[in-house]
Amino acid sequence: MSTNKLEEQQSDLPKLSNPAKRALSGAGIACLHDLTKITEPELKKLHGMGPKAIEMIRHELEAKGLSFATNS
């Protein structure tokens, strides 16, 4: 099995476009739990993250009882 296939199986991120995947990877985000450490506005600033990808991520976080970090 190739490394990419193994990484995809271990990640709990939703199926995203390649630009969105690259944006997350470049920011060091590999799983949903990593997204709980950043705010949604921070995620929106990543090049390659569009509204559809943000919505998919938000939905997946909510389904697992998680959320983005909040501005404190």
Protein backbone atom coordinates (compact mmCIF):
# COMPACT_ATOMS: atom_id res chain seq x y z
CA MET A 1 0.00 0.00 0.00
CA SER A 2 1.34 3.43 -0.91
CA THR A 3 2.08 6.06 1.74
CA ASN A 4 -0.68 8.36 0.41
CA LYS A 5 -3.32 5.63 0.74
CA LEU A 6 -2.17 4.84 4.26
CA GLU A 7 -2.30 8.52 5.24
CA GLU A 8 -5.81 8.86 3.80
CA GLN A 9 -7.02 5.88 5.82
CA GLN A 10 -5.57 7.25 9.06
CA SER A 11 -6.98 10.76 8.61
CA ASP A 12 -10.51 11.52 9.76
CA LEU A 13 -10.74 14.61 7.56
CA PRO A 14 -13.57 14.68 5.01
CA LYS A 15 -12.82 14.18 1.31
CA LEU A 16 -11.57 17.58 0.20
CA SER A 17 -10.28 19.08 -3.03
CA ASN A 18 -6.56 18.82 -3.68
CA PRO A 19 -5.95 22.56 -3.05
CA ALA A 20 -7.72 22.29 0.32
CA LYS A 21 -5.73 19.16 1.22
CA ARG A 22 -2.48 20.92 0.32
CA ALA A 23 -3.48 23.95 2.39
CA LEU A 24 -4.14 21.78 5.44
CA SER A 25 -0.98 19.77 4.93
CA GLY A 26 1.10 22.93 4.57
CA ALA A 27 -0.35 24.21 7.84
CA GLY A 28 0.51 20.95 9.61
CA ILE A 29 -3.12 19.85 9.94
CA ALA A 30 -3.50 16.09 9.55
CA CYS A 31 -6.72 15.28 11.44
CA LEU A 32 -9.91 16.86 12.76
CA HIS A 33 -8.43 17.29 16.23
CA ASP A 34 -5.74 19.55 14.74
CA LEU A 35 -8.53 21.86 13.52
CA THR A 36 -9.75 22.41 17.08
CA LYS A 37 -6.54 24.36 17.71
CA ILE A 38 -7.25 27.07 15.09
CA THR A 39 -10.13 29.45 14.52
CA GLU A 40 -12.35 29.35 11.46
CA PRO A 41 -11.06 32.78 10.30
CA GLU A 42 -7.50 31.41 10.50
CA LEU A 43 -8.53 28.43 8.37
CA LYS A 44 -10.17 30.74 5.81
CA LYS A 45 -6.85 32.59 5.39
CA LEU A 46 -5.12 29.45 4.06
CA HIS A 47 -4.60 29.59 0.32
CA GLY A 48 -6.72 26.85 -1.23
CA MET A 49 -9.44 26.75 1.43
CA GLY A 50 -12.74 27.62 -0.20
CA PRO A 51 -16.24 27.93 1.25
CA LYS A 52 -17.19 24.37 0.28
CA ALA A 53 -14.16 22.87 2.05
CA ILE A 54 -14.80 25.01 5.14
CA GLU A 55 -18.43 23.86 5.26
CA MET A 56 -17.44 20.20 4.88
CA ILE A 57 -14.90 20.53 7.69
CA ARG A 58 -17.37 22.37 9.94
CA HIS A 59 -19.98 19.64 9.36
CA GLU A 60 -17.47 16.87 10.14
CA LEU A 61 -16.30 18.62 13.30
CA GLU A 62 -19.91 19.02 14.51
CA ALA A 63 -20.65 15.36 13.74
CA LYS A 64 -17.81 14.36 16.08
CA GLY A 65 -18.78 16.87 18.78
CA LEU A 66 -15.79 19.12 18.02
CA SER A 67 -15.47 22.74 16.97
CA PHE A 68 -12.92 25.27 15.83
CA ALA A 69 -10.98 27.17 18.47
CA THR A 70 -12.66 30.34 19.68
CA ASN A 71 -11.19 33.82 19.83
CA SER A 72 -10.49 34.50 23.48
